[in-house]
């Protein structure tokens, strides 16, 4: 089954996890969340984390993709889905350049895993401090 996936951090084009998780996915364009969410750089690996706290923060800017079941399973492993505080949720997103909103999956974290916090709320993830899996000690 093909699903829409909204990405806002290290899975975006040009960032460390894009090729690992989305290399074969169809890019649908630049999108943003319809609601505001907190987006923070947090945790020991300086990861971008969108918290499931609608109404706080900014409309988050990112990219929308079409992904198949196998790709989604791989992405779930990359994003630690199933471990405490790591999950995916369905949210409403809209094209940045105008157009029709749609529902998409997004990876979210709970506040408990966002420790320590290294940034204020962000609208757009451009930070380059993320430490990829192979470089963690």
N, C-alpha and C. Protein backbone atom coordinates (compact mmCIF):
# COMPACT_ATOMS: atom_id res chain seq x y z
N UNK A 1 0.84 -1.19 0.00
CA UNK A 1 0.00 0.00 0.00
C UNK A 1 0.88 1.25 0.00
N UNK A 2 0.53 2.22 -0.81
CA UNK A 2 1.30 3.46 -0.90
C UNK A 2 0.68 4.50 0.03
N UNK A 3 1.54 5.19 0.76
CA UNK A 3 1.08 6.23 1.69
C UNK A 3 1.87 7.51 1.47
N UNK A 4 1.32 8.61 1.91
CA UNK A 4 2.04 9.88 1.87
C UNK A 4 2.78 10.04 3.19
N UNK A 5 4.02 10.51 3.10
CA UNK A 5 4.86 10.71 4.28
C UNK A 5 5.43 12.11 4.25
N UNK A 6 5.22 12.85 5.33
CA UNK A 6 5.77 14.20 5.49
C UNK A 6 7.07 14.09 6.30
N UNK A 7 8.16 14.62 5.74
CA UNK A 7 9.45 14.62 6.45
C UNK A 7 9.93 16.05 6.63
N UNK A 8 10.61 16.31 7.72
CA UNK A 8 10.96 17.69 8.08
C UNK A 8 12.39 17.83 8.56
N UNK A 9 13.13 16.71 8.66
CA UNK A 9 14.47 16.76 9.27
C UNK A 9 15.51 16.01 8.47
N UNK A 10 16.14 15.02 9.10
CA UNK A 10 17.26 14.31 8.49
C UNK A 10 16.85 13.42 7.32
N UNK A 11 15.54 13.25 7.07
CA UNK A 11 15.08 12.48 5.92
C UNK A 11 14.88 13.35 4.68
N UNK A 12 14.99 14.68 4.81
CA UNK A 12 14.84 15.56 3.66
C UNK A 12 16.01 15.38 2.69
N UNK A 13 15.79 15.78 1.45
CA UNK A 13 16.86 15.74 0.45
C UNK A 13 18.06 16.55 0.95
N UNK A 14 19.26 15.99 0.77
CA UNK A 14 20.47 16.70 1.17
C UNK A 14 20.86 16.50 2.62
N UNK A 15 20.07 15.71 3.36
CA UNK A 15 20.37 15.46 4.78
C UNK A 15 20.75 13.99 4.97
N UNK A 16 21.38 13.65 6.11
CA UNK A 16 22.05 12.36 6.29
C UNK A 16 21.22 11.10 6.08
N UNK A 17 19.93 11.08 6.38
CA UNK A 17 19.16 9.84 6.30
C UNK A 17 18.30 9.72 5.04
N UNK A 18 18.35 10.74 4.17
CA UNK A 18 17.49 10.72 2.98
C UNK A 18 17.74 9.49 2.12
N UNK A 19 18.99 9.28 1.72
CA UNK A 19 19.28 8.16 0.82
C UNK A 19 19.01 6.82 1.48
N UNK A 20 19.22 6.75 2.77
CA UNK A 20 19.00 5.50 3.50
C UNK A 20 17.51 5.13 3.56
N UNK A 21 16.63 6.14 3.63
CA UNK A 21 15.22 5.87 3.81
C UNK A 21 14.30 6.21 2.66
N UNK A 22 14.67 7.18 1.84
CA UNK A 22 13.73 7.68 0.82
C UNK A 22 14.30 7.69 -0.60
N UNK A 23 15.38 6.98 -0.84
CA UNK A 23 16.04 7.05 -2.15
C UNK A 23 15.12 6.68 -3.31
N UNK A 24 14.19 5.71 -3.11
CA UNK A 24 13.31 5.32 -4.20
C UNK A 24 11.92 5.91 -4.13
N UNK A 25 11.69 6.79 -3.17
CA UNK A 25 10.34 7.34 -2.97
C UNK A 25 10.05 8.47 -3.96
N UNK A 26 8.78 8.65 -4.30
CA UNK A 26 8.38 9.73 -5.21
C UNK A 26 8.19 11.02 -4.41
N UNK A 27 8.95 12.06 -4.80
CA UNK A 27 8.87 13.38 -4.17
C UNK A 27 7.62 14.10 -4.70
N UNK A 28 6.78 14.58 -3.77
CA UNK A 28 5.54 15.26 -4.16
C UNK A 28 5.61 16.78 -4.02
N UNK A 29 6.65 17.29 -3.35
CA UNK A 29 6.79 18.74 -3.25
C UNK A 29 7.05 19.23 -1.85
N UNK A 30 7.21 20.56 -1.77
CA UNK A 30 7.44 21.23 -0.49
C UNK A 30 6.08 21.46 0.19
N UNK A 31 5.97 20.99 1.42
CA UNK A 31 4.72 21.08 2.19
C UNK A 31 5.01 21.63 3.58
N UNK A 32 3.94 21.99 4.27
CA UNK A 32 4.04 22.40 5.68
C UNK A 32 2.85 21.83 6.43
N UNK A 33 3.03 21.73 7.74
CA UNK A 33 1.92 21.25 8.57
C UNK A 33 0.82 22.31 8.60
N UNK A 34 -0.43 21.87 8.66
CA UNK A 34 -1.51 22.85 8.76
C UNK A 34 -1.56 23.42 10.18
N UNK A 35 -1.31 22.58 11.17
CA UNK A 35 -1.27 23.04 12.56
C UNK A 35 0.16 23.37 12.95
N UNK A 36 0.29 24.10 14.03
CA UNK A 36 1.62 24.39 14.58
C UNK A 36 2.05 23.21 15.44
N UNK A 37 3.33 22.87 15.38
CA UNK A 37 3.93 21.83 16.22
C UNK A 37 5.29 22.32 16.71
N UNK A 38 5.73 21.85 17.88
CA UNK A 38 7.09 22.16 18.30
C UNK A 38 8.09 21.29 17.54
N UNK A 39 9.06 21.93 16.90
CA UNK A 39 10.18 21.25 16.25
C UNK A 39 11.44 21.70 16.97
N UNK A 40 12.18 20.74 17.53
CA UNK A 40 13.36 21.05 18.33
C UNK A 40 14.55 20.21 17.87
N UNK A 41 15.74 20.71 18.09
CA UNK A 41 16.95 19.90 18.00
C UNK A 41 17.17 19.38 19.40
N UNK A 42 17.19 18.04 19.56
CA UNK A 42 17.22 17.50 20.91
C UNK A 42 17.89 16.13 20.95
N UNK A 43 18.12 15.68 22.17
CA UNK A 43 18.70 14.37 22.41
C UNK A 43 20.21 14.38 22.25
N UNK A 44 20.85 13.28 22.60
CA UNK A 44 22.31 13.22 22.57
C UNK A 44 22.90 13.29 21.17
N UNK A 45 22.07 13.02 20.12
CA UNK A 45 22.59 12.99 18.74
C UNK A 45 22.17 14.23 17.95
N UNK A 46 21.65 15.26 18.64
CA UNK A 46 21.24 16.51 17.99
C UNK A 46 20.23 16.24 16.86
N UNK A 47 19.25 15.42 17.15
CA UNK A 47 18.25 15.04 16.14
C UNK A 47 17.10 16.04 16.11
N UNK A 48 16.54 16.29 14.90
CA UNK A 48 15.33 17.10 14.83
C UNK A 48 14.15 16.27 15.33
N UNK A 49 13.36 16.83 16.23
CA UNK A 49 12.22 16.12 16.79
C UNK A 49 10.98 16.99 16.74
N UNK A 50 9.94 16.48 16.09
CA UNK A 50 8.65 17.15 16.11
C UNK A 50 7.82 16.47 17.19
N UNK A 51 7.35 17.26 18.13
CA UNK A 51 6.58 16.72 19.25
C UNK A 51 5.09 16.77 18.93
N UNK A 52 4.36 15.78 19.40
CA UNK A 52 2.92 15.72 19.14
C UNK A 52 2.17 16.61 20.13
N UNK A 53 2.39 17.91 19.96
CA UNK A 53 1.74 18.93 20.79
C UNK A 53 1.17 20.00 19.87
N UNK A 54 0.08 19.67 19.14
CA UNK A 54 -0.50 20.62 18.19
C UNK A 54 -0.85 21.95 18.86
N UNK A 55 -0.60 23.03 18.12
CA UNK A 55 -0.90 24.37 18.64
C UNK A 55 0.29 25.06 19.27
N UNK A 56 1.40 24.34 19.42
CA UNK A 56 2.62 24.91 20.01
C UNK A 56 3.66 25.01 18.90
N UNK A 57 4.44 26.09 18.87
CA UNK A 57 5.51 26.20 17.88
C UNK A 57 5.05 26.86 16.60
N UNK A 58 5.48 26.29 15.47
CA UNK A 58 5.23 26.86 14.14
C UNK A 58 4.61 25.82 13.22
N UNK A 59 4.11 26.30 12.07
CA UNK A 59 3.78 25.38 10.99
C UNK A 59 5.13 24.89 10.46
N UNK A 60 5.37 23.60 10.51
CA UNK A 60 6.67 23.04 10.16
C UNK A 60 6.77 22.85 8.65
N UNK A 61 7.86 23.30 8.08
CA UNK A 61 8.10 23.17 6.64
C UNK A 61 8.90 21.90 6.38
N UNK A 62 8.51 21.17 5.32
CA UNK A 62 9.21 19.94 4.98
C UNK A 62 8.89 19.49 3.58
N UNK A 63 9.00 18.18 3.36
CA UNK A 63 8.80 17.58 2.05
C UNK A 63 7.80 16.44 2.15
N UNK A 64 7.04 16.24 1.07
CA UNK A 64 6.05 15.16 1.04
C UNK A 64 6.48 14.13 0.01
N UNK A 65 6.35 12.85 0.40
CA UNK A 65 6.73 11.72 -0.45
C UNK A 65 5.63 10.69 -0.48
N UNK A 66 5.64 9.89 -1.55
CA UNK A 66 4.83 8.67 -1.61
C UNK A 66 5.76 7.52 -1.29
N UNK A 67 5.38 6.68 -0.32
CA UNK A 67 6.22 5.55 0.07
C UNK A 67 5.40 4.27 0.10
N UNK A 68 6.03 3.18 -0.23
CA UNK A 68 5.39 1.88 -0.18
C UNK A 68 5.59 1.24 1.19
N UNK A 69 4.97 0.08 1.36
CA UNK A 69 5.00 -0.62 2.65
C UNK A 69 6.41 -0.98 3.08
N UNK A 70 7.22 -1.52 2.17
CA UNK A 70 8.59 -1.92 2.53
C UNK A 70 9.43 -0.70 2.95
N UNK A 71 9.30 0.38 2.22
CA UNK A 71 10.04 1.61 2.57
C UNK A 71 9.59 2.12 3.93
N UNK A 72 8.29 2.07 4.18
CA UNK A 72 7.77 2.55 5.47
C UNK A 72 8.29 1.69 6.62
N UNK A 73 8.37 0.38 6.41
CA UNK A 73 8.92 -0.49 7.45
C UNK A 73 10.37 -0.14 7.76
N UNK A 74 11.15 0.13 6.71
CA UNK A 74 12.56 0.52 6.90
C UNK A 74 12.64 1.87 7.64
N UNK A 75 11.80 2.81 7.23
CA UNK A 75 11.79 4.13 7.88
C UNK A 75 11.37 4.01 9.35
N UNK A 76 10.40 3.15 9.64
CA UNK A 76 10.00 2.94 11.03
C UNK A 76 11.19 2.48 11.87
N UNK A 77 12.03 1.59 11.32
CA UNK A 77 13.22 1.15 12.05
C UNK A 77 14.20 2.31 12.24
N UNK A 78 14.42 3.09 11.18
CA UNK A 78 15.31 4.25 11.27
C UNK A 78 14.84 5.23 12.35
N UNK A 79 13.52 5.40 12.45
CA UNK A 79 12.93 6.36 13.37
C UNK A 79 12.60 5.76 14.74
N UNK A 80 12.99 4.52 14.98
CA UNK A 80 12.80 3.84 16.28
C UNK A 80 11.34 3.71 16.69
N UNK A 81 10.44 3.60 15.69
CA UNK A 81 9.01 3.44 16.00
C UNK A 81 8.82 2.16 16.80
N UNK A 82 8.05 2.26 17.86
CA UNK A 82 7.81 1.14 18.75
C UNK A 82 8.60 1.24 20.04
N UNK A 83 9.70 1.99 20.01
CA UNK A 83 10.43 2.25 21.25
C UNK A 83 9.72 3.39 21.98
N UNK A 84 9.84 3.44 23.31
CA UNK A 84 9.13 4.49 24.06
C UNK A 84 9.42 5.90 23.51
N UNK A 85 8.33 6.63 23.29
CA UNK A 85 8.43 8.02 22.84
C UNK A 85 8.67 8.22 21.36
N UNK A 86 8.65 7.15 20.56
CA UNK A 86 8.90 7.23 19.12
C UNK A 86 7.72 6.62 18.38
N UNK A 87 7.06 7.40 17.53
CA UNK A 87 5.87 6.90 16.84
C UNK A 87 5.63 7.69 15.56
N UNK A 88 4.68 7.21 14.78
CA UNK A 88 4.24 8.00 13.64
C UNK A 88 2.76 8.28 13.79
N UNK A 89 2.36 9.44 13.31
CA UNK A 89 0.98 9.88 13.44
C UNK A 89 0.51 10.42 12.09
N UNK A 90 -0.78 10.49 11.91
CA UNK A 90 -1.36 11.09 10.72
C UNK A 90 -1.68 12.55 11.03
N UNK A 91 -1.17 13.44 10.18
CA UNK A 91 -1.41 14.88 10.36
C UNK A 91 -1.88 15.47 9.04
N UNK A 92 -2.36 16.71 9.10
CA UNK A 92 -2.76 17.43 7.90
C UNK A 92 -1.62 18.32 7.44
N UNK A 93 -1.31 18.23 6.15
CA UNK A 93 -0.26 19.06 5.55
C UNK A 93 -0.82 19.77 4.34
N UNK A 94 -0.16 20.86 3.94
CA UNK A 94 -0.60 21.63 2.77
C UNK A 94 0.61 22.06 1.95
N UNK A 95 0.45 22.17 0.63
CA UNK A 95 1.56 22.62 -0.20
C UNK A 95 1.95 24.05 0.17
N UNK A 96 3.25 24.32 0.21
CA UNK A 96 3.71 25.67 0.56
C UNK A 96 3.32 26.66 -0.52
N UNK A 97 3.33 26.24 -1.78
CA UNK A 97 3.02 27.13 -2.89
C UNK A 97 1.53 27.21 -3.18
N UNK A 98 0.70 26.71 -2.30
CA UNK A 98 -0.74 26.75 -2.53
C UNK A 98 -1.21 25.46 -3.17
N UNK A 99 -2.42 25.10 -2.87
CA UNK A 99 -2.97 23.84 -3.38
C UNK A 99 -3.82 23.21 -2.30
N UNK A 100 -4.12 21.96 -2.49
CA UNK A 100 -5.05 21.30 -1.59
C UNK A 100 -4.33 20.58 -0.45
N UNK A 101 -4.84 20.72 0.77
CA UNK A 101 -4.27 19.98 1.89
C UNK A 101 -4.57 18.49 1.76
N UNK A 102 -3.78 17.69 2.48
CA UNK A 102 -4.01 16.25 2.49
C UNK A 102 -3.52 15.69 3.83
N UNK A 103 -3.85 14.44 4.06
CA UNK A 103 -3.36 13.74 5.24
C UNK A 103 -2.06 13.04 4.89
N UNK A 104 -1.13 13.02 5.84
CA UNK A 104 0.15 12.34 5.64
C UNK A 104 0.64 11.80 6.97
N UNK A 105 1.46 10.79 6.88
CA UNK A 105 2.12 10.27 8.07
C UNK A 105 3.30 11.17 8.40
N UNK A 106 3.64 11.26 9.68
CA UNK A 106 4.81 12.02 10.12
C UNK A 106 5.40 11.33 11.34
N UNK A 107 6.71 11.34 11.43
CA UNK A 107 7.37 10.77 12.61
C UNK A 107 7.42 11.82 13.71
N UNK A 108 7.02 11.39 14.90
CA UNK A 108 6.98 12.29 16.05
C UNK A 108 7.65 11.64 17.25
N UNK A 109 7.97 12.50 18.19
CA UNK A 109 8.57 12.05 19.45
C UNK A 109 7.74 12.61 20.59
N UNK A 110 7.85 11.96 21.74
CA UNK A 110 7.23 12.53 22.94
C UNK A 110 8.29 13.37 23.65
N UNK A 111 7.84 14.31 24.45
CA UNK A 111 8.75 15.25 25.11
C UNK A 111 9.82 14.53 25.95
N UNK A 112 9.49 13.35 26.48
CA UNK A 112 10.44 12.64 27.34
C UNK A 112 11.74 12.29 26.61
N UNK A 113 11.68 12.02 25.30
CA UNK A 113 12.91 11.67 24.58
C UNK A 113 13.64 12.90 24.06
N UNK A 114 13.03 14.07 24.17
CA UNK A 114 13.65 15.31 23.70
C UNK A 114 14.51 15.91 24.81
N UNK A 115 15.52 15.17 25.21
CA UNK A 115 16.36 15.61 26.32
C UNK A 115 17.81 15.23 26.03
N UNK A 116 18.74 16.16 26.07
CA UNK A 116 18.54 17.58 26.30
C UNK A 116 18.05 18.30 25.04
N UNK A 117 17.52 19.50 25.22
CA UNK A 117 17.06 20.32 24.10
C UNK A 117 18.18 21.29 23.72
N UNK A 118 18.48 21.37 22.41
CA UNK A 118 19.59 22.19 21.92
C UNK A 118 19.14 23.40 21.10
N UNK A 119 17.83 23.68 21.03
CA UNK A 119 17.36 24.79 20.20
C UNK A 119 16.06 25.34 20.74
N UNK A 120 15.68 26.50 20.22
CA UNK A 120 14.33 27.02 20.41
C UNK A 120 13.44 26.30 19.39
N UNK A 121 12.14 26.62 19.39
CA UNK A 121 11.25 26.06 18.37
C UNK A 121 11.70 26.52 16.99
N UNK A 122 11.66 25.61 16.04
CA UNK A 122 12.07 25.89 14.67
C UNK A 122 10.87 25.75 13.73
N UNK A 123 10.92 26.48 12.62
CA UNK A 123 9.92 26.31 11.56
C UNK A 123 10.51 25.45 10.43
N UNK A 124 11.82 25.57 10.24
CA UNK A 124 12.51 24.88 9.16
C UNK A 124 13.79 24.28 9.71
N UNK A 125 14.00 23.00 9.50
CA UNK A 125 15.21 22.32 9.96
C UNK A 125 16.33 22.53 8.95
N UNK A 126 17.41 23.19 9.41
CA UNK A 126 18.59 23.39 8.59
C UNK A 126 19.86 23.05 9.36
N UNK A 127 19.72 22.65 10.59
CA UNK A 127 20.82 22.36 11.50
C UNK A 127 21.68 21.21 10.95
N UNK A 128 22.99 21.28 11.12
CA UNK A 128 23.88 20.22 10.60
C UNK A 128 24.63 19.50 11.71
N UNK A 129 24.15 19.57 12.96
CA UNK A 129 24.85 18.94 14.07
C UNK A 129 24.47 17.48 14.28
N UNK A 130 23.47 16.96 13.58
CA UNK A 130 23.02 15.58 13.76
C UNK A 130 24.19 14.61 13.63
N UNK A 131 24.25 13.65 14.55
CA UNK A 131 25.30 12.63 14.55
C UNK A 131 24.70 11.32 14.01
N UNK A 132 25.10 10.92 12.78
CA UNK A 132 24.55 9.70 12.19
C UNK A 132 24.93 8.44 12.98
N UNK A 133 24.19 7.36 12.76
CA UNK A 133 24.34 6.12 13.52
C UNK A 133 25.77 5.63 13.54
N UNK A 134 26.47 5.63 12.41
CA UNK A 134 27.83 5.08 12.33
C UNK A 134 28.88 5.91 13.05
N UNK A 135 28.53 7.13 13.47
CA UNK A 135 29.50 8.00 14.15
C UNK A 135 29.23 8.16 15.64
N UNK A 136 28.30 7.39 16.16
CA UNK A 136 27.95 7.50 17.58
C UNK A 136 28.85 6.61 18.44
N UNK A 137 29.27 7.14 19.58
CA UNK A 137 30.14 6.37 20.48
C UNK A 137 29.42 6.04 21.76
